[in-house]
Amino acid sequence: MPDTFDNKIIDKRVARRYVRKGILDEKDFEKYLKALPDVADQAVPVESEVEHVETDED
């Protein structure tokens, strides 16, 4: 297994596609994910405001 993966390969949105194409080994990917540190305690709440945008339906 490589020490690091290219970010575009390990992006979970496309990883399954790369596994199907044989670009990424599923076992290596799972091993990589399990080795990631748990940084949940470093999360920061995000606040946002959504402006109302008028549409034809309004």
PDB file of N, CA and C in Angstrom:
ATOM      1  N   MET A   1       0.850  -1.180   0.000  1.00  0.00           N
ATOM      2  CA  MET A   1       0.000   0.000   0.000  1.00  0.00           C
ATOM      3  C   MET A   1       0.888   1.232   0.000  1.00  0.00           C
ATOM      4  N   PRO A   2       0.545   2.225  -0.805  1.00  0.00           N
ATOM      5  CA  PRO A   2       1.332   3.452  -0.793  1.00  0.00           C
ATOM      6  C   PRO A   2       1.204   4.175   0.549  1.00  0.00           C
ATOM      7  N   ASP A   3       2.248   4.922   0.915  1.00  0.00           N
ATOM      8  CA  ASP A   3       2.197   5.685   2.160  1.00  0.00           C
ATOM      9  C   ASP A   3       1.145   6.782   2.094  1.00  0.00           C
ATOM     10  N   THR A   4       0.987   7.360   0.931  1.00  0.00           N
ATOM     11  CA  THR A   4      -0.010   8.415   0.750  1.00  0.00           C
ATOM     12  C   THR A   4      -0.777   8.153  -0.541  1.00  0.00           C
ATOM     13  N   PHE A   5      -1.979   8.685  -0.584  1.00  0.00           N
ATOM     14  CA  PHE A   5      -2.803   8.593  -1.780  1.00  0.00           C
ATOM     15  C   PHE A   5      -3.004   9.994  -2.336  1.00  0.00           C
ATOM     16  N   ASP A   6      -3.180  10.087  -3.628  1.00  0.00           N
ATOM     17  CA  ASP A   6      -3.541  11.346  -4.259  1.00  0.00           C
ATOM     18  C   ASP A   6      -4.945  11.713  -3.774  1.00  0.00           C
ATOM     19  N   ASN A   7      -5.159  12.961  -3.386  1.00  0.00           N
ATOM     20  CA  ASN A   7      -6.455  13.381  -2.848  1.00  0.00           C
ATOM     21  C   ASN A   7      -7.615  13.064  -3.770  1.00  0.00           C
ATOM     22  N   LYS A   8      -7.424  13.131  -5.078  1.00  0.00           N
ATOM     23  CA  LYS A   8      -8.532  12.856  -5.984  1.00  0.00           C
ATOM     24  C   LYS A   8      -8.924  11.377  -5.955  1.00  0.00           C
ATOM     25  N   ILE A   9      -8.026  10.512  -5.539  1.00  0.00           N
ATOM     26  CA  ILE A   9      -8.341   9.087  -5.444  1.00  0.00           C
ATOM     27  C   ILE A   9      -9.056   8.768  -4.144  1.00  0.00           C
ATOM     28  N   ILE A  10      -8.684   9.405  -3.052  1.00  0.00           N
ATOM     29  CA  ILE A  10      -9.281   9.054  -1.775  1.00  0.00           C
ATOM     30  C   ILE A  10     -10.538   9.841  -1.453  1.00  0.00           C
ATOM     31  N   ASP A  11     -10.936  10.729  -2.329  1.00  0.00           N
ATOM     32  CA  ASP A  11     -12.187  11.453  -2.145  1.00  0.00           C
ATOM     33  C   ASP A  11     -13.307  10.422  -2.147  1.00  0.00           C
ATOM     34  N   LYS A  12     -14.046  10.330  -1.035  1.00  0.00           N
ATOM     35  CA  LYS A  12     -15.033   9.268  -0.916  1.00  0.00           C
ATOM     36  C   LYS A  12     -16.123   9.337  -1.970  1.00  0.00           C
ATOM     37  N   ARG A  13     -16.282  10.486  -2.593  1.00  0.00           N
ATOM     38  CA  ARG A  13     -17.305  10.609  -3.632  1.00  0.00           C
ATOM     39  C   ARG A  13     -16.918   9.869  -4.903  1.00  0.00           C
ATOM     40  N   VAL A  14     -15.641   9.652  -5.121  1.00  0.00           N
ATOM     41  CA  VAL A  14     -15.199   8.975  -6.348  1.00  0.00           C
ATOM     42  C   VAL A  14     -14.424   7.688  -6.075  1.00  0.00           C
ATOM     43  N   ALA A  15     -14.160   7.376  -4.813  1.00  0.00           N
ATOM     44  CA  ALA A  15     -13.347   6.206  -4.483  1.00  0.00           C
ATOM     45  C   ALA A  15     -13.961   4.922  -5.024  1.00  0.00           C
ATOM     46  N   ARG A  16     -15.267   4.777  -4.927  1.00  0.00           N
ATOM     47  CA  ARG A  16     -15.911   3.549  -5.425  1.00  0.00           C
ATOM     48  C   ARG A  16     -15.667   3.369  -6.922  1.00  0.00           C
ATOM     49  N   ARG A  17     -15.724   4.461  -7.665  1.00  0.00           N
ATOM     50  CA  ARG A  17     -15.470   4.390  -9.106  1.00  0.00           C
ATOM     51  C   ARG A  17     -14.046   3.907  -9.370  1.00  0.00           C
ATOM     52  N   TYR A  18     -13.087   4.428  -8.610  1.00  0.00           N
ATOM     53  CA  TYR A  18     -11.699   4.021  -8.787  1.00  0.00           C
ATOM     54  C   TYR A  18     -11.489   2.566  -8.369  1.00  0.00           C
ATOM     55  N   VAL A  19     -12.216   2.113  -7.356  1.00  0.00           N
ATOM     56  CA  VAL A  19     -12.127   0.702  -6.967  1.00  0.00           C
ATOM     57  C   VAL A  19     -12.654  -0.166  -8.110  1.00  0.00           C
ATOM     58  N   ARG A  20     -13.800   0.196  -8.696  1.00  0.00           N
ATOM     59  CA  ARG A  20     -14.373  -0.576  -9.804  1.00  0.00           C
ATOM     60  C   ARG A  20     -13.435  -0.626 -11.009  1.00  0.00           C
ATOM     61  N   LYS A  21     -12.724   0.484 -11.250  1.00  0.00           N
ATOM     62  CA  LYS A  21     -11.812   0.547 -12.395  1.00  0.00           C
ATOM     63  C   LYS A  21     -10.464  -0.106 -12.104  1.00  0.00           C
ATOM     64  N   GLY A  22     -10.227  -0.490 -10.855  1.00  0.00           N
ATOM     65  CA  GLY A  22      -8.967  -1.119 -10.503  1.00  0.00           C
ATOM     66  C   GLY A  22      -7.839  -0.140 -10.236  1.00  0.00           C
ATOM     67  N   ILE A  23      -8.155   1.143 -10.172  1.00  0.00           N
ATOM     68  CA  ILE A  23      -7.143   2.164  -9.895  1.00  0.00           C
ATOM     69  C   ILE A  23      -6.789   2.179  -8.410  1.00  0.00           C
ATOM     70  N   LEU A  24      -7.767   1.842  -7.576  1.00  0.00           N
ATOM     71  CA  LEU A  24      -7.613   1.872  -6.128  1.00  0.00           C
ATOM     72  C   LEU A  24      -8.010   0.518  -5.571  1.00  0.00           C
ATOM     73  N   ASP A  25      -7.155  -0.064  -4.745  1.00  0.00           N
ATOM     74  CA  ASP A  25      -7.458  -1.341  -4.109  1.00  0.00           C
ATOM     75  C   ASP A  25      -8.351  -1.088  -2.894  1.00  0.00           C
ATOM     76  N   GLU A  26      -9.479  -1.759  -2.847  1.00  0.00           N
ATOM     77  CA  GLU A  26     -10.456  -1.518  -1.775  1.00  0.00           C
ATOM     78  C   GLU A  26      -9.878  -1.810  -0.393  1.00  0.00           C
ATOM     79  N   LYS A  27      -9.110  -2.868  -0.267  1.00  0.00           N
ATOM     80  CA  LYS A  27      -8.521  -3.206   1.036  1.00  0.00           C
ATOM     81  C   LYS A  27      -7.526  -2.141   1.477  1.00  0.00           C
ATOM     82  N   ASP A  28      -6.715  -1.643   0.553  1.00  0.00           N
ATOM     83  CA  ASP A  28      -5.768  -0.576   0.881  1.00  0.00           C
ATOM     84  C   ASP A  28      -6.506   0.690   1.293  1.00  0.00           C
ATOM     85  N   PHE A  29      -7.582   0.986   0.594  1.00  0.00           N
ATOM     86  CA  PHE A  29      -8.368   2.175   0.908  1.00  0.00           C
ATOM     87  C   PHE A  29      -8.988   2.060   2.302  1.00  0.00           C
ATOM     88  N   GLU A  30      -9.572   0.915   2.625  1.00  0.00           N
ATOM     89  CA  GLU A  30     -10.163   0.706   3.950  1.00  0.00           C
ATOM     90  C   GLU A  30      -9.094   0.793   5.044  1.00  0.00           C
ATOM     91  N   LYS A  31      -7.928   0.237   4.778  1.00  0.00           N
ATOM     92  CA  LYS A  31      -6.823   0.295   5.738  1.00  0.00           C
ATOM     93  C   LYS A  31      -6.401   1.751   5.965  1.00  0.00           C
ATOM     94  N   TYR A  32      -6.341   2.505   4.880  1.00  0.00           N
ATOM     95  CA  TYR A  32      -5.989   3.920   4.963  1.00  0.00           C
ATOM     96  C   TYR A  32      -7.006   4.683   5.813  1.00  0.00           C
ATOM     97  N   LEU A  33      -8.296   4.441   5.575  1.00  0.00           N
ATOM     98  CA  LEU A  33      -9.342   5.135   6.325  1.00  0.00           C
ATOM     99  C   LEU A  33      -9.285   4.807   7.814  1.00  0.00           C
ATOM    100  N   LYS A  34      -9.034   3.549   8.131  1.00  0.00           N
ATOM    101  CA  LYS A  34      -8.964   3.144   9.540  1.00  0.00           C
ATOM    102  C   LYS A  34      -7.756   3.748  10.250  1.00  0.00           C
ATOM    103  N   ALA A  35      -6.708   4.061   9.498  1.00  0.00           N
ATOM    104  CA  ALA A  35      -5.492   4.622  10.089  1.00  0.00           C
ATOM    105  C   ALA A  35      -5.583   6.135  10.309  1.00  0.00           C
ATOM    106  N   LEU A  36      -6.617   6.769   9.767  1.00  0.00           N
ATOM    107  CA  LEU A  36      -6.747   8.218   9.940  1.00  0.00           C
ATOM    108  C   LEU A  36      -7.026   8.558  11.401  1.00  0.00           C
ATOM    109  N   PRO A  37      -6.455   9.639  11.897  1.00  0.00           N
ATOM    110  CA  PRO A  37      -6.702  10.016  13.288  1.00  0.00           C
ATOM    111  C   PRO A  37      -8.116  10.569  13.466  1.00  0.00           C
ATOM    112  N   ASP A  38      -8.657  10.386  14.663  1.00  0.00           N
ATOM    113  CA  ASP A  38      -9.978  10.935  14.994  1.00  0.00           C
ATOM    114  C   ASP A  38      -9.763  12.379  15.458  1.00  0.00           C
ATOM    115  N   VAL A  39     -10.196  13.335  14.669  1.00  0.00           N
ATOM    116  CA  VAL A  39     -10.015  14.746  14.992  1.00  0.00           C
ATOM    117  C   VAL A  39     -11.355  15.435  15.254  1.00  0.00           C
ATOM    118  N   ALA A  40     -12.363  14.653  15.621  1.00  0.00           N
ATOM    119  CA  ALA A  40     -13.700  15.204  15.862  1.00  0.00           C
ATOM    120  C   ALA A  40     -13.685  16.271  16.951  1.00  0.00           C
ATOM    121  N   ASP A  41     -12.803  16.122  17.932  1.00  0.00           N
ATOM    122  CA  ASP A  41     -12.739  17.101  19.016  1.00  0.00           C
ATOM    123  C   ASP A  41     -12.177  18.447  18.558  1.00  0.00           C
ATOM    124  N   GLN A  42     -11.644  18.508  17.354  1.00  0.00           N
ATOM    125  CA  GLN A  42     -11.119  19.758  16.811  1.00  0.00           C
ATOM    126  C   GLN A  42     -12.128  20.475  15.912  1.00  0.00           C
ATOM    127  N   ALA A  43     -13.302  19.899  15.775  1.00  0.00           N
ATOM    128  CA  ALA A  43     -14.322  20.490  14.904  1.00  0.00           C
ATOM    129  C   ALA A  43     -14.797  21.826  15.468  1.00  0.00           C
ATOM    130  N   VAL A  44     -15.150  22.732  14.577  1.00  0.00           N
ATOM    131  CA  VAL A  44     -15.623  24.056  14.958  1.00  0.00           C
ATOM    132  C   VAL A  44     -17.034  24.239  14.393  1.00  0.00           C
ATOM    133  N   PRO A  45     -17.971  24.701  15.214  1.00  0.00           N
ATOM    134  CA  PRO A  45     -19.316  24.944  14.684  1.00  0.00           C
ATOM    135  C   PRO A  45     -19.284  26.019  13.591  1.00  0.00           C
ATOM    136  N   VAL A  46     -20.116  25.848  12.603  1.00  0.00           N
ATOM    137  CA  VAL A  46     -20.183  26.792  11.500  1.00  0.00           C
ATOM    138  C   VAL A  46     -21.554  27.444  11.496  1.00  0.00           C
ATOM    139  N   GLU A  47     -21.560  28.754  11.450  1.00  0.00           N
ATOM    140  CA  GLU A  47     -22.818  29.490  11.371  1.00  0.00           C
ATOM    141  C   GLU A  47     -22.909  30.143  10.008  1.00  0.00           C
ATOM    142  N   SER A  48     -24.118  30.205   9.489  1.00  0.00           N
ATOM    143  CA  SER A  48     -24.300  30.855   8.202  1.00  0.00           C
ATOM    144  C   SER A  48     -25.687  31.475   8.128  1.00  0.00           C
ATOM    145  N   GLU A  49     -25.808  32.428   7.255  1.00  0.00           N
ATOM    146  CA  GLU A  49     -27.089  33.051   6.999  1.00  0.00           C
ATOM    147  C   GLU A  49     -27.443  32.813   5.537  1.00  0.00           C
ATOM    148  N   VAL A  50     -28.698  32.537   5.316  1.00  0.00           N
ATOM    149  CA  VAL A  50     -29.156  32.314   3.958  1.00  0.00           C
ATOM    150  C   VAL A  50     -30.081  33.465   3.597  1.00  0.00           C
ATOM    151  N   GLU A  51     -29.699  34.155   2.542  1.00  0.00           N
ATOM    152  CA  GLU A  51     -30.545  35.251   2.082  1.00  0.00           C
ATOM    153  C   GLU A  51     -31.659  34.690   1.223  1.00  0.00           C
ATOM    154  N   HIS A  52     -32.822  35.268   1.374  1.00  0.00           N
ATOM    155  CA  HIS A  52     -33.948  34.837   0.556  1.00  0.00           C
ATOM    156  C   HIS A  52     -33.774  35.401  -0.841  1.00  0.00           C
ATOM    157  N   VAL A  53     -33.853  34.548  -1.809  1.00  0.00           N
ATOM    158  CA  VAL A  53     -33.747  34.956  -3.207  1.00  0.00           C
ATOM    159  C   VAL A  53     -35.104  34.692  -3.833  1.00  0.00           C
ATOM    160  N   GLU A  54     -35.714  35.743  -4.372  1.00  0.00           N
ATOM    161  CA  GLU A  54     -37.024  35.576  -4.969  1.00  0.00           C
ATOM    162  C   GLU A  54     -36.911  34.810  -6.271  1.00  0.00           C
ATOM    163  N   THR A  55     -37.852  33.920  -6.452  1.00  0.00           N
ATOM    164  CA  THR A  55     -37.928  33.134  -7.688  1.00  0.00           C
ATOM    165  C   THR A  55     -39.283  33.396  -8.317  1.00  0.00           C
ATOM    166  N   ASP A  56     -39.484  32.856  -9.482  1.00  0.00           N
ATOM    167  CA  ASP A  56     -40.773  33.019 -10.157  1.00  0.00           C
ATOM    168  C   ASP A  56     -41.901  32.392  -9.358  1.00  0.00           C
ATOM    169  N   GLU A  57     -41.581  31.412  -8.513  1.00  0.00           N
ATOM    170  CA  GLU A  57     -42.586  30.741  -7.719  1.00  0.00           C
ATOM    171  C   GLU A  57     -43.051  31.578  -6.532  1.00  0.00           C
ATOM    172  N   ASP A  58     -42.276  32.599  -6.129  1.00  0.00           N
ATOM    173  CA  ASP A  58     -42.624  33.423  -4.950  1.00  0.00           C
ATOM    174  C   ASP A  58     -43.750  34.362  -5.236  1.00  0.00           C
TER     175      ASP A  58
END
